[in-house]
Amino acid sequence: MVTKKSCPECKSDKLSVDHKRGEIVCNSCGIVMDENMLDQGQEWREFSDGQDERRSGAPSSYAKHDMGTGTEVGTSSEVYGLSVKDRRKYLRLRKWHNRSSTSLERNLKYALADLKRISSLLNIPPKIEEEAARIYRMAVEKGLVRGRSMECVVVGAIYIASRQFNLPRSLNEVCQLTNNNKRDVGKTYRFIARELGIRMAPSGAGTYIPKFANKLGFSAETQTQAQKILEIAQTSELTSGRGPTGLAAAALYVASLITGEKRTQREIADVVGVTEVTIRNRYKEMIEKLNLDPLIEEAKKKREEERIAMGQTEEPEEELRIQE
């Protein structure tokens, strides 16, 4: 309802606005007071044959070298229906349009295509891919890419973005899947983060638990138990200065002993990407400093009583001894 105006015929203030027609109508006498109203809402326009309403253009994106707002002279088949003179002019315009791009634009064009490929390979969500593209663009504009491998910088940007969003992707995993040298990628991402003033919080071991547990086929009970063990270890300051993947692997190993879903240290090491020695060392620290032996023995005794109550024979003990 419009109350600021009144009808010039009946002096009524009961007016209604038809936004589709752009009209103001008096509800008492039906006179149309204004028929050329401006639509103050969003501009929804459609330039395709589809029926869905869209914005007049695609949103800008850091993952595109031209931010999604550039234009390009295409290679439509209609060109060959022109006269020879017009066709040559059209193709000449297209050639000079491609040549007029700057070195920065060419670098972004190839690098962001590579970033999209690697993000797909690592199963990176679009939001993190967008942040990685923004980091790479800032690095290029500040001249940090010069003298370094383009792929190393792209992988480094993806790793930084993953760390910022707490996505469980270890540096070993990223380098193995992309066939890059871990040392080169490590130096590159640390240099970029330092020069751009990006602060990254240390990776928490708890973020890797669901991922590794899923690959090892552990139940939700084992995952929950591993998270509890990590929380106790963090409270006891046992996680300081230790790799998150090794801690996650050791916590899952201890949790598997408690729940009875036994996995060997080699099986866990192959999935996590750490050595058996690392798991063994972290396991010994947790057992000794957190006093977990009674908990493991109690869980083992409880499972034994349940098997006896159900009339089942004792299962053979798997070889899970710790090598001294």
C-alpha atoms as a PDB file:
ATOM      1  CA  MET A   1       0.000   0.000   0.000  1.00  0.00           C
ATOM      2  CA  VAL A   2       1.116   3.527  -0.790  1.00  0.00           C
ATOM      3  CA  THR A   3       0.293   6.156   1.838  1.00  0.00           C
ATOM      4  CA  LYS A   4       2.430   9.105   0.798  1.00  0.00           C
ATOM      5  CA  LYS A   5       0.170   9.983  -2.132  1.00  0.00           C
ATOM      6  CA  SER A   6      -3.576  10.361  -2.581  1.00  0.00           C
ATOM      7  CA  CYS A   7      -5.871   9.873  -5.565  1.00  0.00           C
ATOM      8  CA  PRO A   8      -6.432  13.160  -7.510  1.00  0.00           C
ATOM      9  CA  GLU A   9     -10.055  12.134  -8.285  1.00  0.00           C
ATOM     10  CA  CYS A  10     -11.507  10.745  -5.059  1.00  0.00           C
ATOM     11  CA  LYS A  11      -8.798  11.910  -2.648  1.00  0.00           C
ATOM     12  CA  SER A  12      -8.462   8.365  -1.314  1.00  0.00           C
ATOM     13  CA  ASP A  13      -5.146   7.199   0.071  1.00  0.00           C
ATOM     14  CA  LYS A  14      -5.858   3.497  -0.547  1.00  0.00           C
ATOM     15  CA  LEU A  15      -3.442   2.906  -3.386  1.00  0.00           C
ATOM     16  CA  SER A  16      -1.750  -0.281  -4.583  1.00  0.00           C
ATOM     17  CA  VAL A  17       1.428  -0.835  -6.573  1.00  0.00           C
ATOM     18  CA  ASP A  18       1.693  -3.347  -9.422  1.00  0.00           C
ATOM     19  CA  HIS A  19       5.441  -3.966  -9.729  1.00  0.00           C
ATOM     20  CA  LYS A  20       5.077  -6.141 -12.829  1.00  0.00           C
ATOM     21  CA  ARG A  21       3.208  -3.513 -14.803  1.00  0.00           C
ATOM     22  CA  GLY A  22       4.916  -0.546 -13.157  1.00  0.00           C
ATOM     23  CA  GLU A  23       1.605   1.084 -12.203  1.00  0.00           C
ATOM     24  CA  ILE A  24       0.049   2.774  -9.166  1.00  0.00           C
ATOM     25  CA  VAL A  25      -3.722   2.176  -8.998  1.00  0.00           C
ATOM     26  CA  CYS A  26      -6.377   3.696  -6.722  1.00  0.00           C
ATOM     27  CA  ASN A  27      -8.367   0.942  -5.003  1.00  0.00           C
ATOM     28  CA  SER A  28     -11.437   3.170  -4.574  1.00  0.00           C
ATOM     29  CA  CYS A  29     -12.090   4.525  -8.075  1.00  0.00           C
ATOM     30  CA  GLY A  30      -9.640   2.412 -10.124  1.00  0.00           C
ATOM     31  CA  ILE A  31      -7.775   5.286 -11.730  1.00  0.00           C
ATOM     32  CA  VAL A  32      -4.206   4.598 -12.835  1.00  0.00           C
ATOM     33  CA  MET A  33      -2.105   7.311 -11.248  1.00  0.00           C
ATOM     34  CA  ASP A  34       1.290   6.292 -12.688  1.00  0.00           C
ATOM     35  CA  GLU A  35       2.140   3.810 -15.407  1.00  0.00           C
ATOM     36  CA  ASN A  36       5.885   4.407 -15.849  1.00  0.00           C
ATOM     37  CA  MET A  37       7.303   3.410 -12.476  1.00  0.00           C
ATOM     38  CA  LEU A  38      10.956   2.392 -12.283  1.00  0.00           C
ATOM     39  CA  ASP A  39      11.632  -1.108 -10.952  1.00  0.00           C
ATOM     40  CA  GLN A  40      13.930  -0.727  -7.936  1.00  0.00           C
ATOM     41  CA  GLY A  41      14.470  -4.489  -7.551  1.00  0.00           C
ATOM     42  CA  GLN A  42      17.183  -6.753  -8.911  1.00  0.00           C
ATOM     43  CA  GLU A  43      17.718  -6.879 -12.640  1.00  0.00           C
ATOM     44  CA  TRP A  44      16.822 -10.403 -13.775  1.00  0.00           C
ATOM     45  CA  ARG A  45      17.416 -10.838 -17.471  1.00  0.00           C
ATOM     46  CA  GLU A  46      17.604 -13.850 -19.737  1.00  0.00           C
ATOM     47  CA  PHE A  47      19.864 -14.031 -22.775  1.00  0.00           C
ATOM     48  CA  SER A  48      19.490 -17.739 -23.560  1.00  0.00           C
ATOM     49  CA  ASP A  49      16.668 -19.960 -24.750  1.00  0.00           C
ATOM     50  CA  GLY A  50      16.149 -21.435 -21.258  1.00  0.00           C
ATOM     51  CA  GLN A  51      13.302 -20.535 -18.962  1.00  0.00           C
ATOM     52  CA  ASP A  52      15.297 -20.008 -15.745  1.00  0.00           C
ATOM     53  CA  GLU A  53      15.826 -16.437 -14.610  1.00  0.00           C
ATOM     54  CA  ARG A  54      19.450 -15.420 -14.257  1.00  0.00           C
ATOM     55  CA  ARG A  55      21.543 -12.380 -13.594  1.00  0.00           C
ATOM     56  CA  SER A  56      22.670 -10.457 -16.621  1.00  0.00           C
ATOM     57  CA  GLY A  57      26.121 -12.075 -16.371  1.00  0.00           C
ATOM     58  CA  ALA A  58      28.110 -14.720 -14.559  1.00  0.00           C
ATOM     59  CA  PRO A  59      29.676 -13.717 -11.209  1.00  0.00           C
ATOM     60  CA  SER A  60      33.326 -12.728 -11.180  1.00  0.00           C
ATOM     61  CA  SER A  61      35.755 -15.439 -10.090  1.00  0.00           C
ATOM     62  CA  TYR A  62      39.447 -15.498  -9.155  1.00  0.00           C
ATOM     63  CA  ALA A  63      39.656 -18.962 -10.718  1.00  0.00           C
ATOM     64  CA  LYS A  64      39.335 -17.391 -14.193  1.00  0.00           C
ATOM     65  CA  HIS A  65      42.232 -15.472 -15.670  1.00  0.00           C
ATOM     66  CA  ASP A  66      39.983 -12.571 -16.716  1.00  0.00           C
ATOM     67  CA  MET A  67      37.843 -12.745 -13.540  1.00  0.00           C
ATOM     68  CA  GLY A  68      35.003 -13.985 -15.750  1.00  0.00           C
ATOM     69  CA  THR A  69      34.386 -10.551 -17.239  1.00  0.00           C
ATOM     70  CA  GLY A  70      36.598 -10.672 -20.335  1.00  0.00           C
ATOM     71  CA  THR A  71      35.608 -11.043 -23.966  1.00  0.00           C
ATOM     72  CA  GLU A  72      37.080 -13.129 -26.739  1.00  0.00           C
ATOM     73  CA  VAL A  73      36.792 -13.125 -30.507  1.00  0.00           C
ATOM     74  CA  GLY A  74      35.386 -16.563 -31.227  1.00  0.00           C
ATOM     75  CA  THR A  75      35.616 -18.925 -34.187  1.00  0.00           C
ATOM     76  CA  SER A  76      31.967 -19.139 -35.186  1.00  0.00           C
ATOM     77  CA  SER A  77      31.028 -20.926 -38.415  1.00  0.00           C
ATOM     78  CA  GLU A  78      29.233 -17.744 -39.499  1.00  0.00           C
ATOM     79  CA  VAL A  79      32.637 -16.208 -40.267  1.00  0.00           C
ATOM     80  CA  TYR A  80      33.009 -18.402 -43.332  1.00  0.00           C
ATOM     81  CA  GLY A  81      29.757 -17.089 -44.724  1.00  0.00           C
ATOM     82  CA  LEU A  82      31.256 -13.602 -45.020  1.00  0.00           C
ATOM     83  CA  SER A  83      33.055 -12.203 -47.986  1.00  0.00           C
ATOM     84  CA  VAL A  84      36.761 -12.872 -48.342  1.00  0.00           C
ATOM     85  CA  LYS A  85      37.649  -9.307 -47.345  1.00  0.00           C
ATOM     86  CA  ASP A  86      35.455  -9.337 -44.216  1.00  0.00           C
ATOM     87  CA  ARG A  87      36.656 -12.809 -43.260  1.00  0.00           C
ATOM     88  CA  ARG A  88      40.310 -11.753 -43.408  1.00  0.00           C
ATOM     89  CA  LYS A  89      39.513  -8.681 -41.332  1.00  0.00           C
ATOM     90  CA  TYR A  90      37.705 -10.804 -38.742  1.00  0.00           C
ATOM     91  CA  LEU A  91      40.546 -13.342 -38.464  1.00  0.00           C
ATOM     92  CA  ARG A  92      43.114 -10.533 -38.276  1.00  0.00           C
ATOM     93  CA  LEU A  93      41.192  -8.966 -35.388  1.00  0.00           C
ATOM     94  CA  ARG A  94      41.130 -12.306 -33.626  1.00  0.00           C
ATOM     95  CA  LYS A  95      44.896 -12.766 -34.071  1.00  0.00           C
ATOM     96  CA  TRP A  96      45.737  -9.319 -32.701  1.00  0.00           C
ATOM     97  CA  HIS A  97      43.281  -9.754 -29.860  1.00  0.00           C
ATOM     98  CA  ASN A  98      45.224 -12.856 -28.743  1.00  0.00           C
ATOM     99  CA  ARG A  99      48.571 -11.098 -29.201  1.00  0.00           C
ATOM    100  CA  SER A 100      47.545  -8.047 -27.183  1.00  0.00           C
ATOM    101  CA  SER A 101      47.345  -9.977 -23.881  1.00  0.00           C
ATOM    102  CA  THR A 102      50.011  -9.133 -21.284  1.00  0.00           C
ATOM    103  CA  SER A 103      52.490 -11.562 -19.745  1.00  0.00           C
ATOM    104  CA  LEU A 104      50.476 -11.465 -16.504  1.00  0.00           C
ATOM    105  CA  GLU A 105      47.311 -12.510 -18.338  1.00  0.00           C
ATOM    106  CA  ARG A 106      49.117 -15.324 -20.171  1.00  0.00           C
ATOM    107  CA  ASN A 107      50.640 -16.577 -16.917  1.00  0.00           C
ATOM    108  CA  LEU A 108      47.254 -16.603 -15.189  1.00  0.00           C
ATOM    109  CA  LYS A 109      45.619 -18.293 -18.156  1.00  0.00           C
ATOM    110  CA  TYR A 110      47.952 -21.312 -18.066  1.00  0.00           C
ATOM    111  CA  ALA A 111      48.419 -21.418 -14.274  1.00  0.00           C
ATOM    112  CA  LEU A 112      44.721 -21.285 -13.388  1.00  0.00           C
ATOM    113  CA  ALA A 113      43.967 -24.038 -15.890  1.00  0.00           C
ATOM    114  CA  ASP A 114      46.639 -26.104 -14.129  1.00  0.00           C
ATOM    115  CA  LEU A 115      45.148 -25.151 -10.743  1.00  0.00           C
ATOM    116  CA  LYS A 116      41.737 -26.421 -11.852  1.00  0.00           C
ATOM    117  CA  ARG A 117      43.284 -29.726 -12.969  1.00  0.00           C
ATOM    118  CA  ILE A 118      45.164 -30.237  -9.682  1.00  0.00           C
ATOM    119  CA  SER A 119      42.117 -29.246  -7.612  1.00  0.00           C
ATOM    120  CA  SER A 120      40.085 -31.881  -9.419  1.00  0.00           C
ATOM    121  CA  LEU A 121      42.850 -34.436  -8.830  1.00  0.00           C
ATOM    122  CA  LEU A 122      42.937 -33.644  -5.078  1.00  0.00           C
ATOM    123  CA  ASN A 123      39.124 -33.391  -4.839  1.00  0.00           C
ATOM    124  CA  ILE A 124      39.333 -29.790  -3.596  1.00  0.00           C
ATOM    125  CA  PRO A 125      35.974 -28.015  -2.994  1.00  0.00           C
ATOM    126  CA  PRO A 126      35.201 -24.972  -5.205  1.00  0.00           C
ATOM    127  CA  LYS A 127      35.460 -22.552  -2.273  1.00  0.00           C
ATOM    128  CA  ILE A 128      39.033 -23.638  -1.503  1.00  0.00           C
ATOM    129  CA  GLU A 129      39.893 -23.627  -5.205  1.00  0.00           C
ATOM    130  CA  GLU A 130      38.695 -20.005  -5.377  1.00  0.00           C
ATOM    131  CA  GLU A 131      40.886 -19.068  -2.393  1.00  0.00           C
ATOM    132  CA  ALA A 132      43.905 -20.844  -3.921  1.00  0.00           C
ATOM    133  CA  ALA A 133      43.372 -18.898  -7.166  1.00  0.00           C
ATOM    134  CA  ARG A 134      43.233 -15.629  -5.194  1.00  0.00           C
ATOM    135  CA  ILE A 135      46.510 -16.488  -3.422  1.00  0.00           C
ATOM    136  CA  TYR A 136      48.198 -17.351  -6.732  1.00  0.00           C
ATOM    137  CA  ARG A 137      46.951 -14.125  -8.317  1.00  0.00           C
ATOM    138  CA  MET A 138      48.408 -12.060  -5.450  1.00  0.00           C
ATOM    139  CA  ALA A 139      51.712 -13.939  -5.760  1.00  0.00           C
ATOM    140  CA  VAL A 140      51.893 -13.189  -9.495  1.00  0.00           C
ATOM    141  CA  GLU A 141      51.055  -9.518  -9.050  1.00  0.00           C
ATOM    142  CA  LYS A 142      53.852  -9.175  -6.456  1.00  0.00           C
ATOM    143  CA  GLY A 143      56.364 -10.968  -8.685  1.00  0.00           C
ATOM    144  CA  LEU A 144      56.813 -13.963  -6.357  1.00  0.00           C
ATOM    145  CA  VAL A 145      56.443 -16.510  -9.162  1.00  0.00           C
ATOM    146  CA  ARG A 146      59.494 -15.353 -11.092  1.00  0.00           C
ATOM    147  CA  GLY A 147      62.297 -17.929 -11.016  1.00  0.00           C
ATOM    148  CA  ARG A 148      60.075 -20.659  -9.591  1.00  0.00           C
ATOM    149  CA  SER A 149      58.203 -23.554 -11.117  1.00  0.00           C
ATOM    150  CA  MET A 150      54.653 -22.554 -11.974  1.00  0.00           C
ATOM    151  CA  GLU A 151      53.291 -25.930 -10.853  1.00  0.00           C
ATOM    152  CA  CYS A 152      55.107 -25.699  -7.500  1.00  0.00           C
ATOM    153  CA  VAL A 153      53.543 -22.298  -6.847  1.00  0.00           C
ATOM    154  CA  VAL A 154      50.090 -23.605  -7.827  1.00  0.00           C
ATOM    155  CA  VAL A 155      50.431 -26.634  -5.538  1.00  0.00           C
ATOM    156  CA  GLY A 156      51.732 -24.371  -2.760  1.00  0.00           C
ATOM    157  CA  ALA A 157      48.723 -22.055  -3.129  1.00  0.00           C
ATOM    158  CA  ILE A 158      46.343 -25.026  -2.949  1.00  0.00           C
ATOM    159  CA  TYR A 159      48.118 -26.325   0.168  1.00  0.00           C
ATOM    160  CA  ILE A 160      47.919 -22.905   1.872  1.00  0.00           C
ATOM    161  CA  ALA A 161      44.197 -22.613   1.071  1.00  0.00           C
ATOM    162  CA  SER A 162      43.579 -26.147   2.359  1.00  0.00           C
ATOM    163  CA  ARG A 163      45.343 -25.314   5.618  1.00  0.00           C
ATOM    164  CA  GLN A 164      43.276 -22.134   6.022  1.00  0.00           C
ATOM    165  CA  PHE A 165      40.017 -24.083   5.625  1.00  0.00           C
ATOM    166  CA  ASN A 166      41.207 -26.999   7.813  1.00  0.00           C
ATOM    167  CA  LEU A 167      40.940 -29.461   4.939  1.00  0.00           C
ATOM    168  CA  PRO A 168      42.885 -32.647   5.815  1.00  0.00           C
ATOM    169  CA  ARG A 169      45.473 -32.704   3.040  1.00  0.00           C
ATOM    170  CA  SER A 170      49.022 -33.442   4.134  1.00  0.00           C
ATOM    171  CA  LEU A 171      52.014 -32.125   2.207  1.00  0.00           C
ATOM    172  CA  ASN A 172      53.128 -35.705   1.483  1.00  0.00           C
ATOM    173  CA  GLU A 173      49.762 -36.565  -0.037  1.00  0.00           C
ATOM    174  CA  VAL A 174      49.619 -33.403  -2.147  1.00  0.00           C
ATOM    175  CA  CYS A 175      53.134 -33.926  -3.514  1.00  0.00           C
ATOM    176  CA  GLN A 176      52.617 -37.619  -4.242  1.00  0.00           C
ATOM    177  CA  LEU A 177      49.391 -37.069  -6.164  1.00  0.00           C
ATOM    178  CA  THR A 178      50.845 -34.181  -8.186  1.00  0.00           C
ATOM    179  CA  ASN A 179      54.324 -35.743  -8.708  1.00  0.00           C
ATOM    180  CA  ASN A 180      56.121 -32.749  -7.219  1.00  0.00           C
ATOM    181  CA  ASN A 181      59.178 -32.616  -5.017  1.00  0.00           C
ATOM    182  CA  LYS A 182      58.169 -32.189  -1.390  1.00  0.00           C
ATOM    183  CA  ARG A 183      61.176 -30.029  -0.572  1.00  0.00           C
ATOM    184  CA  ASP A 184      60.521 -27.621  -3.467  1.00  0.00           C
ATOM    185  CA  VAL A 185      56.815 -27.298  -2.672  1.00  0.00           C
ATOM    186  CA  GLY A 186      57.576 -26.794   1.029  1.00  0.00           C
ATOM    187  CA  LYS A 187      60.056 -23.992   0.351  1.00  0.00           C
ATOM    188  CA  THR A 188      57.680 -22.375  -2.153  1.00  0.00           C
ATOM    189  CA  TYR A 189      54.565 -22.342   0.008  1.00  0.00           C
ATOM    190  CA  ARG A 190      56.452 -21.048   3.049  1.00  0.00           C
ATOM    191  CA  PHE A 191      57.992 -18.246   0.961  1.00  0.00           C
ATOM    192  CA  ILE A 192      54.605 -17.239  -0.487  1.00  0.00           C
ATOM    193  CA  ALA A 193      52.896 -17.308   2.919  1.00  0.00           C
ATOM    194  CA  ARG A 194      55.669 -15.185   4.429  1.00  0.00           C
ATOM    195  CA  GLU A 195      55.694 -12.602   1.631  1.00  0.00           C
ATOM    196  CA  LEU A 196      51.895 -12.288   1.499  1.00  0.00           C
ATOM    197  CA  GLY A 197      51.561 -12.143   5.286  1.00  0.00           C
ATOM    198  CA  ILE A 198      49.385 -15.265   5.473  1.00  0.00           C
ATOM    199  CA  ARG A 199      49.338 -16.845   8.922  1.00  0.00           C
ATOM    200  CA  MET A 200      48.513 -20.541   9.042  1.00  0.00           C
ATOM    201  CA  ALA A 201      47.558 -22.311  12.236  1.00  0.00           C
ATOM    202  CA  PRO A 202      49.231 -25.697  12.825  1.00  0.00           C
ATOM    203  CA  SER A 203      47.282 -28.629  11.433  1.00  0.00           C
ATOM    204  CA  GLY A 204      45.381 -30.527  14.097  1.00  0.00           C
ATOM    205  CA  ALA A 205      45.710 -34.306  14.231  1.00  0.00           C
ATOM    206  CA  GLY A 206      41.963 -34.588  14.857  1.00  0.00           C
ATOM    207  CA  THR A 207      41.122 -33.352  11.355  1.00  0.00           C
ATOM    208  CA  TYR A 208      42.847 -36.402   9.841  1.00  0.00           C
ATOM    209  CA  ILE A 209      41.020 -38.987  11.970  1.00  0.00           C
ATOM    210  CA  PRO A 210      37.782 -39.294   9.889  1.00  0.00           C
ATOM    211  CA  LYS A 211      39.719 -39.485   6.626  1.00  0.00           C
ATOM    212  CA  PHE A 212      42.168 -42.192   7.746  1.00  0.00           C
ATOM    213  CA  ALA A 213      39.474 -44.121   9.639  1.00  0.00           C
ATOM    214  CA  ASN A 214      37.308 -44.217   6.528  1.00  0.00           C
ATOM    215  CA  LYS A 215      40.168 -45.596   4.427  1.00  0.00           C
ATOM    216  CA  LEU A 216      40.969 -48.242   7.054  1.00  0.00           C
ATOM    217  CA  GLY A 217      37.326 -49.267   7.435  1.00  0.00           C
ATOM    218  CA  PHE A 218      37.044 -48.368  11.126  1.00  0.00           C
ATOM    219  CA  SER A 219      33.658 -47.928  12.778  1.00  0.00           C
ATOM    220  CA  ALA A 220      32.332 -44.718  14.327  1.00  0.00           C
ATOM    221  CA  GLU A 221      33.172 -46.112  17.756  1.00  0.00           C
ATOM    222  CA  THR A 222      36.859 -46.399  16.882  1.00  0.00           C
ATOM    223  CA  GLN A 223      36.869 -42.866  15.435  1.00  0.00           C
ATOM    224  CA  THR A 224      35.293 -41.473  18.595  1.00  0.00           C
ATOM    225  CA  GLN A 225      37.769 -43.345  20.775  1.00  0.00           C
ATOM    226  CA  ALA A 226      40.701 -42.012  18.713  1.00  0.00           C
ATOM    227  CA  GLN A 227      39.410 -38.440  19.086  1.00  0.00           C
ATOM    228  CA  LYS A 228      39.164 -38.883  22.866  1.00  0.00           C
ATOM    229  CA  ILE A 229      42.739 -40.201  23.018  1.00  0.00           C
ATOM    230  CA  LEU A 230      43.972 -37.183  21.049  1.00  0.00           C
ATOM    231  CA  GLU A 231      42.124 -34.781  23.363  1.00  0.00           C
ATOM    232  CA  ILE A 232      43.780 -36.411  26.404  1.00  0.00           C
ATOM    233  CA  ALA A 233      47.169 -36.276  24.679  1.00  0.00           C
ATOM    234  CA  GLN A 234      46.699 -32.590  23.879  1.00  0.00           C
ATOM    235  CA  THR A 235      45.741 -31.838  27.475  1.00  0.00           C
ATOM    236  CA  SER A 236      48.897 -33.634  28.622  1.00  0.00           C
ATOM    237  CA  GLU A 237      50.979 -31.572  26.101  1.00  0.00           C
ATOM    238  CA  LEU A 238      51.995 -34.754  24.303  1.00  0.00           C
ATOM    239  CA  THR A 239      51.186 -33.400  20.832  1.00  0.00           C
ATOM    240  CA  SER A 240      53.605 -30.472  20.923  1.00  0.00           C
ATOM    241  CA  GLY A 241      56.342 -30.707  18.289  1.00  0.00           C
ATOM    242  CA  ARG A 242      54.979 -33.902  16.714  1.00  0.00           C
ATOM    243  CA  GLY A 243      53.567 -34.443  13.251  1.00  0.00           C
ATOM    244  CA  PRO A 244      49.744 -34.493  13.081  1.00  0.00           C
ATOM    245  CA  THR A 245      49.584 -37.487  10.741  1.00  0.00           C
ATOM    246  CA  GLY A 246      51.781 -39.606  13.027  1.00  0.00           C
ATOM    247  CA  LEU A 247      49.651 -38.682  16.039  1.00  0.00           C
ATOM    248  CA  ALA A 248      46.444 -39.499  14.167  1.00  0.00           C
ATOM    249  CA  ALA A 249      47.862 -42.870  13.074  1.00  0.00           C
ATOM    250  CA  ALA A 250      48.961 -43.771  16.619  1.00  0.00           C
ATOM    251  CA  ALA A 251      45.616 -42.695  18.088  1.00  0.00           C
ATOM    252  CA  LEU A 252      43.758 -44.888  15.591  1.00  0.00           C
ATOM    253  CA  TYR A 253      46.066 -47.802  16.387  1.00  0.00           C
ATOM    254  CA  VAL A 254      45.445 -47.496  20.139  1.00  0.00           C
ATOM    255  CA  ALA A 255      41.696 -47.058  19.548  1.00  0.00           C
ATOM    256  CA  SER A 256      41.639 -50.196  17.396  1.00  0.00           C
ATOM    257  CA  LEU A 257      43.189 -52.166  20.266  1.00  0.00           C
ATOM    258  CA  ILE A 258      40.505 -50.857  22.623  1.00  0.00           C
ATOM    259  CA  THR A 259      37.536 -51.548  20.318  1.00  0.00           C
ATOM    260  CA  GLY A 260      38.894 -54.826  18.939  1.00  0.00           C
ATOM    261  CA  GLU A 261      39.024 -53.674  15.303  1.00  0.00           C
ATOM    262  CA  LYS A 262      42.652 -54.661  15.046  1.00  0.00           C
ATOM    263  CA  ARG A 263      44.889 -53.375  12.272  1.00  0.00           C
ATOM    264  CA  THR A 264      48.609 -53.925  12.022  1.00  0.00           C
ATOM    265  CA  GLN A 265      50.999 -51.018  12.173  1.00  0.00           C
ATOM    266  CA  ARG A 266      52.002 -51.707   8.578  1.00  0.00           C
ATOM    267  CA  GLU A 267      48.386 -51.450   7.359  1.00  0.00           C
ATOM    268  CA  ILE A 268      47.923 -48.120   9.110  1.00  0.00           C
ATOM    269  CA  ALA A 269      51.322 -46.808   7.960  1.00  0.00           C
ATOM    270  CA  ASP A 270      50.555 -47.624   4.298  1.00  0.00           C
ATOM    271  CA  VAL A 271      47.262 -45.699   4.429  1.00  0.00           C
ATOM    272  CA  VAL A 272      48.478 -42.709   6.458  1.00  0.00           C
ATOM    273  CA  GLY A 273      51.791 -42.300   4.633  1.00  0.00           C
ATOM    274  CA  VAL A 274      54.132 -42.482   7.633  1.00  0.00           C
ATOM    275  CA  THR A 275      56.629 -45.122   8.699  1.00  0.00           C
ATOM    276  CA  GLU A 276      55.942 -47.913  11.150  1.00  0.00           C
ATOM    277  CA  VAL A 277      58.686 -46.497  13.382  1.00  0.00           C
ATOM    278  CA  THR A 278      56.757 -43.223  13.707  1.00  0.00           C
ATOM    279  CA  ILE A 279      53.572 -45.037  14.710  1.00  0.00           C
ATOM    280  CA  ARG A 280      55.525 -47.208  17.142  1.00  0.00           C
ATOM    281  CA  ASN A 281      57.184 -44.225  18.823  1.00  0.00           C
ATOM    282  CA  ARG A 282      53.945 -42.263  19.166  1.00  0.00           C
ATOM    283  CA  TYR A 283      52.192 -45.412  20.437  1.00  0.00           C
ATOM    284  CA  LYS A 284      54.807 -45.980  23.154  1.00  0.00           C
ATOM    285  CA  GLU A 285      54.548 -42.349  24.279  1.00  0.00           C
ATOM    286  CA  MET A 286      50.760 -42.535  24.534  1.00  0.00           C
ATOM    287  CA  ILE A 287      50.815 -45.860  26.400  1.00  0.00           C
ATOM    288  CA  GLU A 288      53.433 -44.718  28.904  1.00  0.00           C
ATOM    289  CA  LYS A 289      52.464 -41.088  29.539  1.00  0.00           C
ATOM    290  CA  LEU A 290      48.679 -41.463  29.299  1.00  0.00           C
ATOM    291  CA  ASN A 291      48.595 -44.797  31.181  1.00  0.00           C
ATOM    292  CA  LEU A 292      46.403 -46.523  28.585  1.00  0.00           C
ATOM    293  CA  ASP A 293      47.475 -50.111  29.355  1.00  0.00           C
ATOM    294  CA  PRO A 294      44.710 -50.672  31.969  1.00  0.00           C
ATOM    295  CA  LEU A 295      42.102 -49.341  29.512  1.00  0.00           C
ATOM    296  CA  ILE A 296      43.270 -51.709  26.767  1.00  0.00           C
ATOM    297  CA  GLU A 297      43.371 -54.695  29.127  1.00  0.00           C
ATOM    298  CA  GLU A 298      39.911 -53.873  30.495  1.00  0.00           C
ATOM    299  CA  ALA A 299      38.445 -53.640  26.971  1.00  0.00           C
ATOM    300  CA  LYS A 300      40.126 -56.923  26.024  1.00  0.00           C
ATOM    301  CA  LYS A 301      38.753 -58.640  29.122  1.00  0.00           C
ATOM    302  CA  LYS A 302      35.263 -57.311  28.433  1.00  0.00           C
ATOM    303  CA  ARG A 303      35.304 -58.663  24.870  1.00  0.00           C
ATOM    304  CA  GLU A 304      36.488 -62.025  26.181  1.00  0.00           C
ATOM    305  CA  GLU A 305      33.599 -62.183  28.648  1.00  0.00           C
ATOM    306  CA  GLU A 306      31.124 -61.301  25.925  1.00  0.00           C
ATOM    307  CA  ARG A 307      32.457 -64.114  23.691  1.00  0.00           C
ATOM    308  CA  ILE A 308      32.186 -66.624  26.520  1.00  0.00           C
ATOM    309  CA  ALA A 309      28.643 -65.480  27.342  1.00  0.00           C
ATOM    310  CA  MET A 310      27.625 -65.934  23.709  1.00  0.00           C
ATOM    311  CA  GLY A 311      29.238 -69.375  23.600  1.00  0.00           C
ATOM    312  CA  GLN A 312      31.844 -68.449  21.014  1.00  0.00           C
ATOM    313  CA  THR A 313      35.323 -69.915  20.977  1.00  0.00           C
ATOM    314  CA  GLU A 314      38.239 -67.591  21.581  1.00  0.00           C
ATOM    315  CA  GLU A 315      39.507 -65.922  18.450  1.00  0.00           C
ATOM    316  CA  PRO A 316      43.206 -66.352  17.626  1.00  0.00           C
ATOM    317  CA  GLU A 317      45.239 -63.360  18.691  1.00  0.00           C
ATOM    318  CA  GLU A 318      46.668 -61.402  15.764  1.00  0.00           C
ATOM    319  CA  GLU A 319      50.333 -60.598  15.665  1.00  0.00           C
ATOM    320  CA  LEU A 320      50.389 -56.968  16.840  1.00  0.00           C
ATOM    321  CA  ARG A 321      53.445 -56.976  19.058  1.00  0.00           C
ATOM    322  CA  ILE A 322      55.594 -53.888  19.344  1.00  0.00           C
ATOM    323  CA  GLN A 323      59.130 -54.476  18.218  1.00  0.00           C
ATOM    324  CA  GLU A 324      61.581 -53.228  20.731  1.00  0.00           C
END
